[in-house]
Amino acid sequence: MEIQLISGTFTVAEAEKLLTEIFRIKIAFHENKIRAEDENEEDIKHSEKRIMQLQETLRNAIQKMKEKGQTHTSLNAHIEVNTMSRISQ
Protein backbone atom coordinates (compact mmCIF):
# COMPACT_ATOMS: atom_id res chain seq x y z
CA MET A 1 0.00 0.00 0.00
CA GLU A 2 1.30 3.45 -0.86
CA ILE A 3 0.21 6.55 1.05
CA GLN A 4 0.65 9.96 -0.59
CA LEU A 5 1.91 12.11 2.28
CA ILE A 6 2.84 15.36 0.52
CA SER A 7 2.12 16.59 -2.97
CA GLY A 8 2.18 20.27 -3.79
CA THR A 9 3.92 23.54 -4.32
CA PHE A 10 4.99 25.55 -1.30
CA THR A 11 6.91 28.71 -0.57
CA VAL A 12 10.47 27.92 0.43
CA ALA A 13 9.63 29.00 3.99
CA GLU A 14 6.60 26.68 4.10
CA ALA A 15 8.61 23.81 2.66
CA GLU A 16 11.33 24.37 5.25
CA LYS A 17 8.78 24.28 8.08
CA LEU A 18 7.08 21.18 6.71
CA LEU A 19 10.32 19.27 6.20
CA THR A 20 11.61 20.34 9.61
CA GLU A 21 8.48 19.01 11.33
CA ILE A 22 8.59 15.70 9.47
CA PHE A 23 12.27 15.22 10.31
CA ARG A 24 11.66 16.32 13.92
CA ILE A 25 9.14 13.52 14.36
CA LYS A 26 11.49 10.90 12.90
CA ILE A 27 14.38 12.16 15.05
CA ALA A 28 12.14 12.05 18.15
CA PHE A 29 11.26 8.43 17.28
CA HIS A 30 14.95 7.51 17.38
CA GLU A 31 15.56 9.56 20.54
CA ASN A 32 12.78 7.62 22.26
CA LYS A 33 14.34 4.34 21.13
CA ILE A 34 17.66 5.42 22.68
CA ARG A 35 15.92 6.10 26.00
CA ALA A 36 14.03 2.79 25.96
CA GLU A 37 15.23 0.35 28.58
CA ASP A 38 14.95 -2.68 26.33
CA GLU A 39 17.24 -1.38 23.55
CA ASN A 40 20.64 -3.01 23.18
CA GLU A 41 23.87 -1.14 22.45
CA GLU A 42 23.78 -1.97 18.74
CA ASP A 43 20.25 -0.56 18.38
CA ILE A 44 21.23 2.57 20.28
CA LYS A 45 24.24 3.15 18.04
CA HIS A 46 22.05 2.67 14.98
CA SER A 47 19.56 5.25 16.26
CA GLU A 48 22.35 7.72 17.07
CA LYS A 49 23.79 7.30 13.57
CA ARG A 50 20.36 7.67 11.99
CA ILE A 51 19.69 10.89 13.93
CA MET A 52 22.92 12.39 12.60
CA GLN A 53 22.03 11.31 9.04
CA LEU A 54 18.56 12.83 9.31
CA GLN A 55 19.91 16.12 10.67
CA GLU A 56 22.47 16.32 7.86
CA THR A 57 19.91 15.47 5.19
CA LEU A 58 17.55 18.17 6.48
CA ARG A 59 20.33 20.78 6.55
CA ASN A 60 21.35 19.91 2.99
CA ALA A 61 17.77 19.99 1.69
CA ILE A 62 17.08 23.40 3.24
CA GLN A 63 20.38 24.78 1.97
CA LYS A 64 19.67 23.58 -1.58
CA MET A 65 16.17 25.05 -1.55
CA LYS A 66 17.50 28.41 -0.39
CA GLU A 67 20.54 28.63 -2.66
CA LYS A 68 18.43 28.24 -5.81
CA GLY A 69 17.01 31.70 -5.15
CA GLN A 70 13.46 30.66 -6.05
CA THR A 71 10.40 31.65 -4.03
CA HIS A 72 8.57 28.31 -4.34
CA THR A 73 9.40 24.61 -4.43
CA SER A 74 7.44 21.44 -5.00
CA LEU A 75 7.43 18.63 -2.48
CA ASN A 76 6.28 15.09 -3.09
CA ALA A 77 6.51 12.30 -0.56
CA HIS A 78 4.91 8.94 -0.12
CA ILE A 79 5.10 6.15 2.40
CA GLU A 80 5.16 2.57 1.23
CA VAL A 81 3.59 0.13 3.68
CA ASN A 82 4.30 -3.59 3.33
CA THR A 83 3.18 -6.17 5.86
CA MET A 84 5.71 -8.79 6.89
CA SER A 85 5.56 -11.96 8.91
CA ARG A 86 8.95 -11.24 10.52
CA ILE A 87 11.74 -8.68 10.63
CA SER A 88 14.31 -9.23 7.91
CA GLN A 89 17.96 -8.38 8.52
PDB file of N, CA and C in Angstrom:
ATOM      1  N   MET A   1       0.846  -1.162   0.000  1.00  0.00           N
ATOM      2  CA  MET A   1       0.000   0.000   0.000  1.00  0.00           C
ATOM      3  C   MET A   1       0.898   1.235   0.000  1.00  0.00           C
ATOM      4  N   GLU A   2       0.543   2.211  -0.803  1.00  0.00           N
ATOM      5  CA  GLU A   2       1.300   3.454  -0.856  1.00  0.00           C
ATOM      6  C   GLU A   2       0.403   4.599  -0.384  1.00  0.00           C
ATOM      7  N   ILE A   3       0.942   5.408   0.507  1.00  0.00           N
ATOM      8  CA  ILE A   3       0.214   6.554   1.048  1.00  0.00           C
ATOM      9  C   ILE A   3       0.881   7.824   0.548  1.00  0.00           C
ATOM     10  N   GLN A   4       0.121   8.666  -0.140  1.00  0.00           N
ATOM     11  CA  GLN A   4       0.649   9.957  -0.587  1.00  0.00           C
ATOM     12  C   GLN A   4       0.635  10.893   0.615  1.00  0.00           C
ATOM     13  N   LEU A   5       1.796  11.289   1.080  1.00  0.00           N
ATOM     14  CA  LEU A   5       1.910  12.111   2.277  1.00  0.00           C
ATOM     15  C   LEU A   5       1.926  13.594   1.927  1.00  0.00           C
ATOM     16  N   ILE A   6       2.707  13.959   0.931  1.00  0.00           N
ATOM     17  CA  ILE A   6       2.837  15.357   0.522  1.00  0.00           C
ATOM     18  C   ILE A   6       2.823  15.408  -0.996  1.00  0.00           C
ATOM     19  N   SER A   7       2.101  16.359  -1.541  1.00  0.00           N
ATOM     20  CA  SER A   7       2.119  16.589  -2.972  1.00  0.00           C
ATOM     21  C   SER A   7       1.649  18.012  -3.216  1.00  0.00           C
ATOM     22  N   GLY A   8       2.588  18.892  -3.539  1.00  0.00           N
ATOM     23  CA  GLY A   8       2.178  20.267  -3.785  1.00  0.00           C
ATOM     24  C   GLY A   8       3.335  21.221  -3.936  1.00  0.00           C
ATOM     25  N   THR A   9       2.959  22.456  -4.196  1.00  0.00           N
ATOM     26  CA  THR A   9       3.924  23.543  -4.317  1.00  0.00           C
ATOM     27  C   THR A   9       3.800  24.433  -3.094  1.00  0.00           C
ATOM     28  N   PHE A  10       4.942  24.785  -2.532  1.00  0.00           N
ATOM     29  CA  PHE A  10       4.986  25.553  -1.295  1.00  0.00           C
ATOM     30  C   PHE A  10       5.997  26.677  -1.440  1.00  0.00           C
ATOM     31  N   THR A  11       5.840  27.729  -0.629  1.00  0.00           N
ATOM     32  CA  THR A  11       6.910  28.709  -0.572  1.00  0.00           C
ATOM     33  C   THR A  11       8.103  28.004   0.056  1.00  0.00           C
ATOM     34  N   VAL A  12       9.279  28.538  -0.161  1.00  0.00           N
ATOM     35  CA  VAL A  12      10.472  27.924   0.426  1.00  0.00           C
ATOM     36  C   VAL A  12      10.346  27.893   1.947  1.00  0.00           C
ATOM     37  N   ALA A  13       9.797  28.952   2.535  1.00  0.00           N
ATOM     38  CA  ALA A  13       9.629  28.997   3.993  1.00  0.00           C
ATOM     39  C   ALA A  13       8.656  27.919   4.465  1.00  0.00           C
ATOM     40  N   GLU A  14       7.554  27.728   3.739  1.00  0.00           N
ATOM     41  CA  GLU A  14       6.596  26.680   4.102  1.00  0.00           C
ATOM     42  C   GLU A  14       7.226  25.297   3.966  1.00  0.00           C
ATOM     43  N   ALA A  15       7.953  25.098   2.881  1.00  0.00           N
ATOM     44  CA  ALA A  15       8.613  23.807   2.656  1.00  0.00           C
ATOM     45  C   ALA A  15       9.623  23.518   3.761  1.00  0.00           C
ATOM     46  N   GLU A  16      10.365  24.549   4.162  1.00  0.00           N
ATOM     47  CA  GLU A  16      11.333  24.374   5.247  1.00  0.00           C
ATOM     48  C   GLU A  16      10.628  23.961   6.540  1.00  0.00           C
ATOM     49  N   LYS A  17       9.521  24.622   6.863  1.00  0.00           N
ATOM     50  CA  LYS A  17       8.775  24.282   8.081  1.00  0.00           C
ATOM     51  C   LYS A  17       8.221  22.872   8.010  1.00  0.00           C
ATOM     52  N   LEU A  18       7.665  22.508   6.867  1.00  0.00           N
ATOM     53  CA  LEU A  18       7.081  21.184   6.705  1.00  0.00           C
ATOM     54  C   LEU A  18       8.140  20.086   6.826  1.00  0.00           C
ATOM     55  N   LEU A  19       9.242  20.253   6.123  1.00  0.00           N
ATOM     56  CA  LEU A  19      10.320  19.271   6.203  1.00  0.00           C
ATOM     57  C   LEU A  19      10.900  19.185   7.610  1.00  0.00           C
ATOM     58  N   THR A  20      11.076  20.328   8.249  1.00  0.00           N
ATOM     59  CA  THR A  20      11.615  20.345   9.613  1.00  0.00           C
ATOM     60  C   THR A  20      10.716  19.568  10.568  1.00  0.00           C
ATOM     61  N   GLU A  21       9.410  19.731  10.443  1.00  0.00           N
ATOM     62  CA  GLU A  21       8.484  19.008  11.327  1.00  0.00           C
ATOM     63  C   GLU A  21       8.506  17.511  11.062  1.00  0.00           C
ATOM     64  N   ILE A  22       8.542  17.129   9.803  1.00  0.00           N
ATOM     65  CA  ILE A  22       8.591  15.705   9.467  1.00  0.00           C
ATOM     66  C   ILE A  22       9.869  15.079  10.023  1.00  0.00           C
ATOM     67  N   PHE A  23      11.000  15.745   9.807  1.00  0.00           N
ATOM     68  CA  PHE A  23      12.272  15.225  10.306  1.00  0.00           C
ATOM     69  C   PHE A  23      12.302  15.243  11.828  1.00  0.00           C
ATOM     70  N   ARG A  24      11.697  16.244  12.457  1.00  0.00           N
ATOM     71  CA  ARG A  24      11.660  16.323  13.920  1.00  0.00           C
ATOM     72  C   ARG A  24      10.959  15.100  14.501  1.00  0.00           C
ATOM     73  N   ILE A  25       9.881  14.683  13.869  1.00  0.00           N
ATOM     74  CA  ILE A  25       9.140  13.519  14.357  1.00  0.00           C
ATOM     75  C   ILE A  25       9.976  12.249  14.225  1.00  0.00           C
ATOM     76  N   LYS A  26      10.653  12.091  13.108  1.00  0.00           N
ATOM     77  CA  LYS A  26      11.486  10.900  12.901  1.00  0.00           C
ATOM     78  C   LYS A  26      12.683  10.890  13.865  1.00  0.00           C
ATOM     79  N   ILE A  27      13.268  12.054  14.089  1.00  0.00           N
ATOM     80  CA  ILE A  27      14.377  12.157  15.048  1.00  0.00           C
ATOM     81  C   ILE A  27      13.889  11.825  16.452  1.00  0.00           C
ATOM     82  N   ALA A  28      12.711  12.338  16.826  1.00  0.00           N
ATOM     83  CA  ALA A  28      12.144  12.049  18.149  1.00  0.00           C
ATOM     84  C   ALA A  28      11.885  10.549  18.312  1.00  0.00           C
ATOM     85  N   PHE A  29      11.464   9.882  17.238  1.00  0.00           N
ATOM     86  CA  PHE A  29      11.258   8.435  17.279  1.00  0.00           C
ATOM     87  C   PHE A  29      12.553   7.731  17.677  1.00  0.00           C
ATOM     88  N   HIS A  30      13.665   8.129  17.057  1.00  0.00           N
ATOM     89  CA  HIS A  30      14.954   7.508  17.381  1.00  0.00           C
ATOM     90  C   HIS A  30      15.440   7.905  18.780  1.00  0.00           C
ATOM     91  N   GLU A  31      15.185   9.137  19.189  1.00  0.00           N
ATOM     92  CA  GLU A  31      15.565   9.556  20.544  1.00  0.00           C
ATOM     93  C   GLU A  31      14.819   8.729  21.583  1.00  0.00           C
ATOM     94  N   ASN A  32      13.564   8.448  21.331  1.00  0.00           N
ATOM     95  CA  ASN A  32      12.781   7.618  22.259  1.00  0.00           C
ATOM     96  C   ASN A  32      13.308   6.189  22.299  1.00  0.00           C
ATOM     97  N   LYS A  33      13.755   5.685  21.154  1.00  0.00           N
ATOM     98  CA  LYS A  33      14.335   4.341  21.135  1.00  0.00           C
ATOM     99  C   LYS A  33      15.619   4.298  21.962  1.00  0.00           C
ATOM    100  N   ILE A  34      16.408   5.354  21.910  1.00  0.00           N
ATOM    101  CA  ILE A  34      17.663   5.417  22.680  1.00  0.00           C
ATOM    102  C   ILE A  34      17.355   5.369  24.177  1.00  0.00           C
ATOM    103  N   ARG A  35      16.289   6.044  24.585  1.00  0.00           N
ATOM    104  CA  ARG A  35      15.922   6.096  26.000  1.00  0.00           C
ATOM    105  C   ARG A  35      15.207   4.839  26.490  1.00  0.00           C
ATOM    106  N   ALA A  36      14.764   4.005  25.570  1.00  0.00           N
ATOM    107  CA  ALA A  36      14.029   2.794  25.964  1.00  0.00           C
ATOM    108  C   ALA A  36      14.950   1.834  26.705  1.00  0.00           C
ATOM    109  N   GLU A  37      14.432   1.247  27.749  1.00  0.00           N
ATOM    110  CA  GLU A  37      15.230   0.354  28.585  1.00  0.00           C
ATOM    111  C   GLU A  37      15.558  -0.965  27.900  1.00  0.00           C
ATOM    112  N   ASP A  38      14.747  -1.372  26.948  1.00  0.00           N
ATOM    113  CA  ASP A  38      14.952  -2.683  26.329  1.00  0.00           C
ATOM    114  C   ASP A  38      15.803  -2.645  25.057  1.00  0.00           C
ATOM    115  N   GLU A  39      16.390  -1.497  24.749  1.00  0.00           N
ATOM    116  CA  GLU A  39      17.236  -1.383  23.553  1.00  0.00           C
ATOM    117  C   GLU A  39      18.660  -1.817  23.877  1.00  0.00           C
ATOM    118  N   ASN A  40      19.254  -2.587  22.967  1.00  0.00           N
ATOM    119  CA  ASN A  40      20.636  -3.005  23.178  1.00  0.00           C
ATOM    120  C   ASN A  40      21.589  -1.949  22.588  1.00  0.00           C
ATOM    121  N   GLU A  41      22.865  -2.128  22.862  1.00  0.00           N
ATOM    122  CA  GLU A  41      23.868  -1.143  22.453  1.00  0.00           C
ATOM    123  C   GLU A  41      23.908  -0.958  20.939  1.00  0.00           C
ATOM    124  N   GLU A  42      23.758  -2.042  20.199  1.00  0.00           N
ATOM    125  CA  GLU A  42      23.779  -1.972  18.738  1.00  0.00           C
ATOM    126  C   GLU A  42      22.608  -1.134  18.211  1.00  0.00           C
ATOM    127  N   ASP A  43      21.426  -1.331  18.790  1.00  0.00           N
ATOM    128  CA  ASP A  43      20.250  -0.563  18.382  1.00  0.00           C
ATOM    129  C   ASP A  43      20.415   0.923  18.718  1.00  0.00           C
ATOM    130  N   ILE A  44      21.001   1.186  19.870  1.00  0.00           N
ATOM    131  CA  ILE A  44      21.229   2.574  20.284  1.00  0.00           C
ATOM    132  C   ILE A  44      22.197   3.262  19.327  1.00  0.00           C
ATOM    133  N   LYS A  45      23.274   2.575  18.977  1.00  0.00           N
ATOM    134  CA  LYS A  45      24.241   3.151  18.042  1.00  0.00           C
ATOM    135  C   LYS A  45      23.604   3.397  16.685  1.00  0.00           C
ATOM    136  N   HIS A  46      22.746   2.475  16.250  1.00  0.00           N
ATOM    137  CA  HIS A  46      22.047   2.666  14.980  1.00  0.00           C
ATOM    138  C   HIS A  46      21.171   3.916  15.035  1.00  0.00           C
ATOM    139  N   SER A  47      20.434   4.075  16.123  1.00  0.00           N
ATOM    140  CA  SER A  47      19.556   5.245  16.265  1.00  0.00           C
ATOM    141  C   SER A  47      20.365   6.540  16.305  1.00  0.00           C
ATOM    142  N   GLU A  48      21.494   6.524  17.008  1.00  0.00           N
ATOM    143  CA  GLU A  48      22.346   7.725  17.067  1.00  0.00           C
ATOM    144  C   GLU A  48      22.870   8.075  15.676  1.00  0.00           C
ATOM    145  N   LYS A  49      23.294   7.078  14.932  1.00  0.00           N
ATOM    146  CA  LYS A  49      23.786   7.303  13.572  1.00  0.00           C
ATOM    147  C   LYS A  49      22.670   7.825  12.679  1.00  0.00           C
ATOM    148  N   ARG A  50      21.499   7.249  12.821  1.00  0.00           N
ATOM    149  CA  ARG A  50      20.363   7.665  11.994  1.00  0.00           C
ATOM    150  C   ARG A  50      19.957   9.102  12.293  1.00  0.00           C
ATOM    151  N   ILE A  51      19.997   9.506  13.554  1.00  0.00           N
ATOM    152  CA  ILE A  51      19.685  10.891  13.926  1.00  0.00           C
ATOM    153  C   ILE A  51      20.644  11.840  13.226  1.00  0.00           C
ATOM    154  N   MET A  52      21.935  11.523  13.256  1.00  0.00           N
ATOM    155  CA  MET A  52      22.922  12.391  12.599  1.00  0.00           C
ATOM    156  C   MET A  52      22.662  12.458  11.096  1.00  0.00           C
ATOM    157  N   GLN A  53      22.326  11.329  10.479  1.00  0.00           N
ATOM    158  CA  GLN A  53      22.029  11.309   9.042  1.00  0.00           C
ATOM    159  C   GLN A  53      20.805  12.172   8.722  1.00  0.00           C
ATOM    160  N   LEU A  54      19.778  12.045   9.527  1.00  0.00           N
ATOM    161  CA  LEU A  54      18.559  12.833   9.308  1.00  0.00           C
ATOM    162  C   LEU A  54      18.829  14.323   9.449  1.00  0.00           C
ATOM    163  N   GLN A  55      19.586  14.699  10.469  1.00  0.00           N
ATOM    164  CA  GLN A  55      19.914  16.116  10.668  1.00  0.00           C
ATOM    165  C   GLN A  55      20.698  16.666   9.486  1.00  0.00           C
ATOM    166  N   GLU A  56      21.656  15.898   8.999  1.00  0.00           N
ATOM    167  CA  GLU A  56      22.472  16.321   7.864  1.00  0.00           C
ATOM    168  C   GLU A  56      21.632  16.420   6.584  1.00  0.00           C
ATOM    169  N   THR A  57      20.775  15.454   6.367  1.00  0.00           N
ATOM    170  CA  THR A  57      19.910  15.469   5.194  1.00  0.00           C
ATOM    171  C   THR A  57      18.994  16.688   5.209  1.00  0.00           C
ATOM    172  N   LEU A  58      18.422  16.993   6.362  1.00  0.00           N
ATOM    173  CA  LEU A  58      17.547  18.165   6.476  1.00  0.00           C
ATOM    174  C   LEU A  58      18.323  19.444   6.197  1.00  0.00           C
ATOM    175  N   ARG A  59      19.514  19.583   6.797  1.00  0.00           N
ATOM    176  CA  ARG A  59      20.334  20.782   6.554  1.00  0.00           C
ATOM    177  C   ARG A  59      20.638  20.942   5.065  1.00  0.00           C
ATOM    178  N   ASN A  60      21.016  19.853   4.421  1.00  0.00           N
ATOM    179  CA  ASN A  60      21.348  19.912   2.993  1.00  0.00           C
ATOM    180  C   ASN A  60      20.128  20.275   2.139  1.00  0.00           C
ATOM    181  N   ALA A  61      18.987  19.708   2.460  1.00  0.00           N
ATOM    182  CA  ALA A  61      17.774  19.993   1.694  1.00  0.00           C
ATOM    183  C   ALA A  61      17.386  21.467   1.815  1.00  0.00           C
ATOM    184  N   ILE A  62      17.431  21.995   3.022  1.00  0.00           N
ATOM    185  CA  ILE A  62      17.080  23.396   3.236  1.00  0.00           C
ATOM    186  C   ILE A  62      18.073  24.302   2.527  1.00  0.00           C
ATOM    187  N   GLN A  63      19.350  23.979   2.630  1.00  0.00           N
ATOM    188  CA  GLN A  63      20.384  24.776   1.966  1.00  0.00           C
ATOM    189  C   GLN A  63      20.161  24.796   0.458  1.00  0.00           C
ATOM    190  N   LYS A  64      19.877  23.651  -0.138  1.00  0.00           N
ATOM    191  CA  LYS A  64      19.670  23.582  -1.584  1.00  0.00           C
ATOM    192  C   LYS A  64      18.437  24.360  -2.015  1.00  0.00           C
ATOM    193  N   MET A  65      17.375  24.290  -1.223  1.00  0.00           N
ATOM    194  CA  MET A  65      16.169  25.053  -1.552  1.00  0.00           C
ATOM    195  C   MET A  65      16.465  26.549  -1.540  1.00  0.00           C
ATOM    196  N   LYS A  66      17.218  26.989  -0.554  1.00  0.00           N
ATOM    197  CA  LYS A  66      17.497  28.409  -0.391  1.00  0.00           C
ATOM    198  C   LYS A  66      18.507  28.933  -1.403  1.00  0.00           C
ATOM    199  N   GLU A  67      19.499  28.142  -1.767  1.00  0.00           N
ATOM    200  CA  GLU A  67      20.541  28.630  -2.663  1.00  0.00           C
ATOM    201  C   GLU A  67      20.064  28.750  -4.106  1.00  0.00           C
ATOM    202  N   LYS A  68      18.965  28.128  -4.455  1.00  0.00           N
ATOM    203  CA  LYS A  68      18.429  28.240  -5.806  1.00  0.00           C
ATOM    204  C   LYS A  68      17.853  29.627  -6.062  1.00  0.00           C
ATOM    205  N   GLY A  69      17.519  30.348  -5.011  1.00  0.00           N
ATOM    206  CA  GLY A  69      17.006  31.705  -5.152  1.00  0.00           C
ATOM    207  C   GLY A  69      15.559  31.790  -5.619  1.00  0.00           C
ATOM    208  N   GLN A  70      14.869  30.675  -5.640  1.00  0.00           N
ATOM    209  CA  GLN A  70      13.463  30.664  -6.054  1.00  0.00           C
ATOM    210  C   GLN A  70      12.566  30.937  -4.851  1.00  0.00           C
ATOM    211  N   THR A  71      11.338  31.359  -5.121  1.00  0.00           N
ATOM    212  CA  THR A  71      10.401  31.646  -4.034  1.00  0.00           C
ATOM    213  C   THR A  71       9.557  30.438  -3.656  1.00  0.00           C
ATOM    214  N   HIS A  72       9.424  29.475  -4.584  1.00  0.00           N
ATOM    215  CA  HIS A  72       8.575  28.307  -4.341  1.00  0.00           C
ATOM    216  C   HIS A  72       9.327  27.026  -4.700  1.00  0.00           C
ATOM    217  N   THR A  73       8.838  25.929  -4.128  1.00  0.00           N
ATOM    218  CA  THR A  73       9.400  24.609  -4.427  1.00  0.00           C
ATOM    219  C   THR A  73       8.279  23.587  -4.370  1.00  0.00           C
ATOM    220  N   SER A  74       8.443  22.507  -5.084  1.00  0.00           N
ATOM    221  CA  SER A  74       7.445  21.438  -5.002  1.00  0.00           C
ATOM    222  C   SER A  74       7.985  20.329  -4.109  1.00  0.00           C
ATOM    223  N   LEU A  75       7.092  19.754  -3.354  1.00  0.00           N
ATOM    224  CA  LEU A  75       7.433  18.634  -2.481  1.00  0.00           C
ATOM    225  C   LEU A  75       6.492  17.480  -2.795  1.00  0.00           C
ATOM    226  N   ASN A  76       7.053  16.311  -2.896  1.00  0.00           N
ATOM    227  CA  ASN A  76       6.279  15.090  -3.094  1.00  0.00           C
ATOM    228  C   ASN A  76       6.870  14.018  -2.203  1.00  0.00           C
ATOM    229  N   ALA A  77       6.031  13.366  -1.438  1.00  0.00           N
ATOM    230  CA  ALA A  77       6.505  12.301  -0.556  1.00  0.00           C
ATOM    231  C   ALA A  77       5.424  11.253  -0.402  1.00  0.00           C
ATOM    232  N   HIS A  78       5.840  10.027  -0.375  1.00  0.00           N
ATOM    233  CA  HIS A  78       4.912   8.943  -0.118  1.00  0.00           C
ATOM    234  C   HIS A  78       5.532   7.962   0.859  1.00  0.00           C
ATOM    235  N   ILE A  79       4.668   7.202   1.480  1.00  0.00           N
ATOM    236  CA  ILE A  79       5.095   6.155   2.400  1.00  0.00           C
ATOM    237  C   ILE A  79       4.606   4.838   1.825  1.00  0.00           C
ATOM    238  N   GLU A  80       5.514   3.894   1.716  1.00  0.00           N
ATOM    239  CA  GLU A  80       5.156   2.570   1.231  1.00  0.00           C
ATOM    240  C   GLU A  80       5.011   1.655   2.437  1.00  0.00           C
ATOM    241  N   VAL A  81       3.868   1.004   2.546  1.00  0.00           N
ATOM    242  CA  VAL A  81       3.586   0.126   3.676  1.00  0.00           C
ATOM    243  C   VAL A  81       3.470  -1.303   3.159  1.00  0.00           C
ATOM    244  N   ASN A  82       4.320  -2.178   3.690  1.00  0.00           N
ATOM    245  CA  ASN A  82       4.301  -3.593   3.326  1.00  0.00           C
ATOM    246  C   ASN A  82       4.224  -4.412   4.597  1.00  0.00           C
ATOM    247  N   THR A  83       3.270  -5.307   4.682  1.00  0.00           N
ATOM    248  CA  THR A  83       3.178  -6.171   5.859  1.00  0.00           C
ATOM    249  C   THR A  83       4.176  -7.313   5.725  1.00  0.00           C
ATOM    250  N   MET A  84       4.692  -7.741   6.866  1.00  0.00           N
ATOM    251  CA  MET A  84       5.709  -8.788   6.887  1.00  0.00           C
ATOM    252  C   MET A  84       5.405  -9.745   8.029  1.00  0.00           C
ATOM    253  N   SER A  85       5.778 -10.984   7.857  1.00  0.00           N
ATOM    254  CA  SER A  85       5.555 -11.963   8.914  1.00  0.00           C
ATOM    255  C   SER A  85       6.658 -11.909   9.971  1.00  0.00           C
ATOM    256  N   ARG A  86       7.850 -11.376   9.587  1.00  0.00           N
ATOM    257  CA  ARG A  86       8.952 -11.240  10.524  1.00  0.00           C
ATOM    258  C   ARG A  86       9.878 -10.125  10.072  1.00  0.00           C
ATOM    259  N   ILE A  87      10.772  -9.717  10.960  1.00  0.00           N
ATOM    260  CA  ILE A  87      11.741  -8.677  10.634  1.00  0.00           C
ATOM    261  C   ILE A  87      12.868  -9.311   9.842  1.00  0.00           C
ATOM    262  N   SER A  88      13.195  -8.708   8.702  1.00  0.00           N
ATOM    263  CA  SER A  88      14.310  -9.227   7.914  1.00  0.00           C
ATOM    264  C   SER A  88      15.559  -8.414   8.215  1.00  0.00           C
ATOM    265  N   GLN A  89      16.693  -9.053   8.218  1.00  0.00           N
ATOM    266  CA  GLN A  89      17.960  -8.382   8.517  1.00  0.00           C
ATOM    267  C   GLN A  89      18.693  -8.060   7.252  1.00  0.00           C
TER     268      GLN A  89
END
